[in-house]
Amino acid sequence: MPESASFYVAAERRIWQLQLALGALGTAAAWLLAGLPAAVGFAAGASVSALNFLWLKQAVDTLVAKATAGEPHGDAARRRRRMVWKFLGRYALLAAAGYVILKYTSWNGRALLAGLFLFVAAILAEICFEIIKGLSGDRNGRA
């Protein structure tokens, strides 16, 4: 595996781990600070955020595969349509989940929104990690 590919695989693994850890910590904190409705709202937002990341990753993987390898035309068209629907579906899912949760449940809306930003928090944490690693002069992922 080329060095650049291993870099991205490691970064993706850390982002998933950060989302899981922040999701668990955020759910526990919401439960302690605001009760069960806030914990459920945060967990729901975190779950949608993780699904959003998964679909975004799949869309990017499909784009990379399309750009780097030839496919039969029928298969390529089907994969391209599916990628576009998943890419747009991310936003529809976020909007629908937010609407349903806020309109029809007693879950805490602020906790839901905080959970939806879990993906952003994990990406920012990964950026900070890479900056610190770069400033320390570590180029191979070792401390």
C-alpha atoms as a PDB file:
ATOM      1  CA  MET A   1       0.000   0.000   0.000  1.00  0.00           C
ATOM      2  CA  PRO A   2       1.450   3.393  -0.942  1.00  0.00           C
ATOM      3  CA  GLU A   3       2.351   5.738   1.892  1.00  0.00           C
ATOM      4  CA  SER A   4      -0.388   8.222   0.954  1.00  0.00           C
ATOM      5  CA  ALA A   5      -3.027   5.463   0.987  1.00  0.00           C
ATOM      6  CA  SER A   6      -1.962   4.290   4.441  1.00  0.00           C
ATOM      7  CA  PHE A   7      -2.160   7.903   5.646  1.00  0.00           C
ATOM      8  CA  TYR A   8      -5.812   8.149   4.545  1.00  0.00           C
ATOM      9  CA  VAL A   9      -6.718   4.732   5.946  1.00  0.00           C
ATOM     10  CA  ALA A  10      -5.245   5.707   9.325  1.00  0.00           C
ATOM     11  CA  ALA A  11      -7.033   9.082   9.293  1.00  0.00           C
ATOM     12  CA  GLU A  12     -10.352   7.421   8.447  1.00  0.00           C
ATOM     13  CA  ARG A  13      -9.883   4.888  11.244  1.00  0.00           C
ATOM     14  CA  ARG A  14      -9.186   7.702  13.737  1.00  0.00           C
ATOM     15  CA  ILE A  15     -12.259   9.648  12.577  1.00  0.00           C
ATOM     16  CA  TRP A  16     -14.479   6.578  13.143  1.00  0.00           C
ATOM     17  CA  GLN A  17     -12.914   6.004  16.564  1.00  0.00           C
ATOM     18  CA  LEU A  18     -13.365   9.671  17.479  1.00  0.00           C
ATOM     19  CA  GLN A  19     -17.009   9.604  16.408  1.00  0.00           C
ATOM     20  CA  LEU A  20     -17.642   6.515  18.518  1.00  0.00           C
ATOM     21  CA  ALA A  21     -15.848   7.920  21.576  1.00  0.00           C
ATOM     22  CA  LEU A  22     -17.408  11.383  21.277  1.00  0.00           C
ATOM     23  CA  GLY A  23     -20.830   9.838  20.689  1.00  0.00           C
ATOM     24  CA  ALA A  24     -20.584   7.727  23.839  1.00  0.00           C
ATOM     25  CA  LEU A  25     -19.205  10.592  25.925  1.00  0.00           C
ATOM     26  CA  GLY A  26     -21.758  13.056  24.570  1.00  0.00           C
ATOM     27  CA  THR A  27     -24.662  10.706  25.205  1.00  0.00           C
ATOM     28  CA  ALA A  28     -23.500  10.094  28.775  1.00  0.00           C
ATOM     29  CA  ALA A  29     -22.962  13.812  29.373  1.00  0.00           C
ATOM     30  CA  ALA A  30     -26.387  14.675  27.931  1.00  0.00           C
ATOM     31  CA  TRP A  31     -27.993  12.074  30.193  1.00  0.00           C
ATOM     32  CA  LEU A  32     -26.217  13.399  33.275  1.00  0.00           C
ATOM     33  CA  LEU A  33     -26.829  17.069  32.483  1.00  0.00           C
ATOM     34  CA  ALA A  34     -30.299  17.052  30.945  1.00  0.00           C
ATOM     35  CA  GLY A  35     -31.875  13.619  31.345  1.00  0.00           C
ATOM     36  CA  LEU A  36     -32.986  10.793  29.111  1.00  0.00           C
ATOM     37  CA  PRO A  37     -34.678  12.874  26.354  1.00  0.00           C
ATOM     38  CA  ALA A  38     -31.420  14.778  25.795  1.00  0.00           C
ATOM     39  CA  ALA A  39     -29.374  11.567  25.770  1.00  0.00           C
ATOM     40  CA  VAL A  40     -31.686   9.954  23.215  1.00  0.00           C
ATOM     41  CA  GLY A  41     -31.655  13.128  21.110  1.00  0.00           C
ATOM     42  CA  PHE A  42     -27.867  13.284  21.139  1.00  0.00           C
ATOM     43  CA  ALA A  43     -27.558   9.574  20.324  1.00  0.00           C
ATOM     44  CA  ALA A  44     -30.000   9.959  17.417  1.00  0.00           C
ATOM     45  CA  GLY A  45     -28.064  12.932  16.067  1.00  0.00           C
ATOM     46  CA  ALA A  46     -24.768  11.077  16.472  1.00  0.00           C
ATOM     47  CA  SER A  47     -26.161   8.062  14.613  1.00  0.00           C
ATOM     48  CA  VAL A  48     -27.350  10.198  11.703  1.00  0.00           C
ATOM     49  CA  SER A  49     -23.978  11.953  11.699  1.00  0.00           C
ATOM     50  CA  ALA A  50     -22.146   8.612  11.456  1.00  0.00           C
ATOM     51  CA  LEU A  51     -24.418   7.499   8.609  1.00  0.00           C
ATOM     52  CA  ASN A  52     -23.741  10.815   6.896  1.00  0.00           C
ATOM     53  CA  PHE A  53     -19.982  10.170   7.136  1.00  0.00           C
ATOM     54  CA  LEU A  54     -20.387   6.619   5.815  1.00  0.00           C
ATOM     55  CA  TRP A  55     -22.381   7.764   2.783  1.00  0.00           C
ATOM     56  CA  LEU A  56     -19.965  10.614   2.103  1.00  0.00           C
ATOM     57  CA  LYS A  57     -17.047   8.166   2.224  1.00  0.00           C
ATOM     58  CA  GLN A  58     -18.839   5.796  -0.145  1.00  0.00           C
ATOM     59  CA  ALA A  59     -19.508   8.660  -2.582  1.00  0.00           C
ATOM     60  CA  VAL A  60     -15.858   9.686  -2.526  1.00  0.00           C
ATOM     61  CA  ASP A  61     -14.721   6.065  -2.946  1.00  0.00           C
ATOM     62  CA  THR A  62     -17.006   5.717  -5.962  1.00  0.00           C
ATOM     63  CA  LEU A  63     -15.636   8.912  -7.483  1.00  0.00           C
ATOM     64  CA  VAL A  64     -12.066   7.721  -6.975  1.00  0.00           C
ATOM     65  CA  ALA A  65     -12.852   4.324  -8.483  1.00  0.00           C
ATOM     66  CA  LYS A  66     -14.518   5.988 -11.458  1.00  0.00           C
ATOM     67  CA  ALA A  67     -11.590   8.326 -11.997  1.00  0.00           C
ATOM     68  CA  THR A  68      -8.906   5.655 -11.732  1.00  0.00           C
ATOM     69  CA  ALA A  69     -10.403   2.601 -13.452  1.00  0.00           C
ATOM     70  CA  GLY A  70     -12.569   1.865 -16.450  1.00  0.00           C
ATOM     71  CA  GLU A  71     -15.907   0.143 -15.914  1.00  0.00           C
ATOM     72  CA  PRO A  72     -18.483  -1.251 -18.298  1.00  0.00           C
ATOM     73  CA  HIS A  73     -20.883   1.536 -19.269  1.00  0.00           C
ATOM     74  CA  GLY A  74     -24.052   0.019 -17.754  1.00  0.00           C
ATOM     75  CA  ASP A  75     -22.375  -0.672 -14.425  1.00  0.00           C
ATOM     76  CA  ALA A  76     -20.826   2.797 -14.322  1.00  0.00           C
ATOM     77  CA  ALA A  77     -24.159   4.505 -14.973  1.00  0.00           C
ATOM     78  CA  ARG A  78     -25.892   2.497 -12.242  1.00  0.00           C
ATOM     79  CA  ARG A  79     -23.116   3.197  -9.728  1.00  0.00           C
ATOM     80  CA  ARG A  80     -23.116   6.895 -10.640  1.00  0.00           C
ATOM     81  CA  ARG A  81     -26.890   7.175 -10.093  1.00  0.00           C
ATOM     82  CA  ARG A  82     -26.637   5.365  -6.762  1.00  0.00           C
ATOM     83  CA  MET A  83     -23.767   7.636  -5.693  1.00  0.00           C
ATOM     84  CA  VAL A  84     -25.743  10.772  -6.570  1.00  0.00           C
ATOM     85  CA  TRP A  85     -28.795   9.529  -4.647  1.00  0.00           C
ATOM     86  CA  LYS A  86     -26.691   8.694  -1.610  1.00  0.00           C
ATOM     87  CA  PHE A  87     -24.912  12.034  -1.806  1.00  0.00           C
ATOM     88  CA  LEU A  88     -28.198  13.945  -1.974  1.00  0.00           C
ATOM     89  CA  GLY A  89     -29.876  11.485   0.379  1.00  0.00           C
ATOM     90  CA  ARG A  90     -27.513  12.515   3.143  1.00  0.00           C
ATOM     91  CA  TYR A  91     -29.095  15.940   3.254  1.00  0.00           C
ATOM     92  CA  ALA A  92     -32.632  14.601   2.928  1.00  0.00           C
ATOM     93  CA  LEU A  93     -31.954  12.178   5.785  1.00  0.00           C
ATOM     94  CA  LEU A  94     -30.590  14.948   7.994  1.00  0.00           C
ATOM     95  CA  ALA A  95     -33.567  17.186   7.283  1.00  0.00           C
ATOM     96  CA  ALA A  96     -36.150  14.414   7.705  1.00  0.00           C
ATOM     97  CA  ALA A  97     -34.606  13.088  10.905  1.00  0.00           C
ATOM     98  CA  GLY A  98     -34.416  16.563  12.394  1.00  0.00           C
ATOM     99  CA  TYR A  99     -37.984  17.389  11.453  1.00  0.00           C
ATOM    100  CA  VAL A 100     -39.459  14.138  12.761  1.00  0.00           C
ATOM    101  CA  ILE A 101     -37.500  14.232  15.990  1.00  0.00           C
ATOM    102  CA  LEU A 102     -38.272  17.856  16.739  1.00  0.00           C
ATOM    103  CA  LYS A 103     -41.928  17.631  15.701  1.00  0.00           C
ATOM    104  CA  TYR A 104     -43.027  14.253  17.032  1.00  0.00           C
ATOM    105  CA  THR A 105     -40.824  13.369  20.009  1.00  0.00           C
ATOM    106  CA  SER A 106     -40.039  14.866  23.352  1.00  0.00           C
ATOM    107  CA  TRP A 107     -36.309  14.530  22.703  1.00  0.00           C
ATOM    108  CA  ASN A 108     -34.169  17.565  23.289  1.00  0.00           C
ATOM    109  CA  GLY A 109     -33.654  19.491  20.029  1.00  0.00           C
ATOM    110  CA  ARG A 110     -30.394  21.089  21.113  1.00  0.00           C
ATOM    111  CA  ALA A 111     -28.972  17.686  21.994  1.00  0.00           C
ATOM    112  CA  LEU A 112     -30.049  16.390  18.571  1.00  0.00           C
ATOM    113  CA  LEU A 113     -28.251  19.242  16.832  1.00  0.00           C
ATOM    114  CA  ALA A 114     -25.161  18.686  18.968  1.00  0.00           C
ATOM    115  CA  GLY A 115     -25.160  15.024  17.921  1.00  0.00           C
ATOM    116  CA  LEU A 116     -25.500  15.996  14.258  1.00  0.00           C
ATOM    117  CA  PHE A 117     -22.271  17.983  14.565  1.00  0.00           C
ATOM    118  CA  LEU A 118     -20.364  14.954  15.832  1.00  0.00           C
ATOM    119  CA  PHE A 119     -18.863  14.341  12.369  1.00  0.00           C
ATOM    120  CA  VAL A 120     -17.563  17.907  12.307  1.00  0.00           C
ATOM    121  CA  ALA A 121     -16.067  17.516  15.793  1.00  0.00           C
ATOM    122  CA  ALA A 122     -14.307  14.297  14.766  1.00  0.00           C
ATOM    123  CA  ILE A 123     -12.893  15.941  11.627  1.00  0.00           C
ATOM    124  CA  LEU A 124     -11.669  18.946  13.645  1.00  0.00           C
ATOM    125  CA  ALA A 125     -10.041  16.621  16.182  1.00  0.00           C
ATOM    126  CA  GLU A 126      -8.305  14.760  13.337  1.00  0.00           C
ATOM    127  CA  ILE A 127      -7.072  18.060  11.905  1.00  0.00           C
ATOM    128  CA  CYS A 128      -5.670  19.047  15.299  1.00  0.00           C
ATOM    129  CA  PHE A 129      -3.997  15.647  15.578  1.00  0.00           C
ATOM    130  CA  GLU A 130      -2.348  16.053  12.174  1.00  0.00           C
ATOM    131  CA  ILE A 131      -1.206  19.604  12.979  1.00  0.00           C
ATOM    132  CA  ILE A 132       0.351  18.494  16.259  1.00  0.00           C
ATOM    133  CA  LYS A 133       1.958  15.514  14.545  1.00  0.00           C
ATOM    134  CA  GLY A 134       3.317  17.789  11.804  1.00  0.00           C
ATOM    135  CA  LEU A 135       4.671  20.335  14.274  1.00  0.00           C
ATOM    136  CA  SER A 136       6.404  17.607  16.250  1.00  0.00           C
ATOM    137  CA  GLY A 137       8.243  16.561  13.096  1.00  0.00           C
ATOM    138  CA  ASP A 138       6.652  13.113  13.046  1.00  0.00           C
ATOM    139  CA  ARG A 139       6.024  12.068   9.445  1.00  0.00           C
ATOM    140  CA  ASN A 140       5.418   8.342   9.981  1.00  0.00           C
ATOM    141  CA  GLY A 141       2.627   8.346  12.571  1.00  0.00           C
ATOM    142  CA  ARG A 142       4.913   7.548  15.497  1.00  0.00           C
ATOM    143  CA  ALA A 143       5.318   9.756  18.533  1.00  0.00           C
END
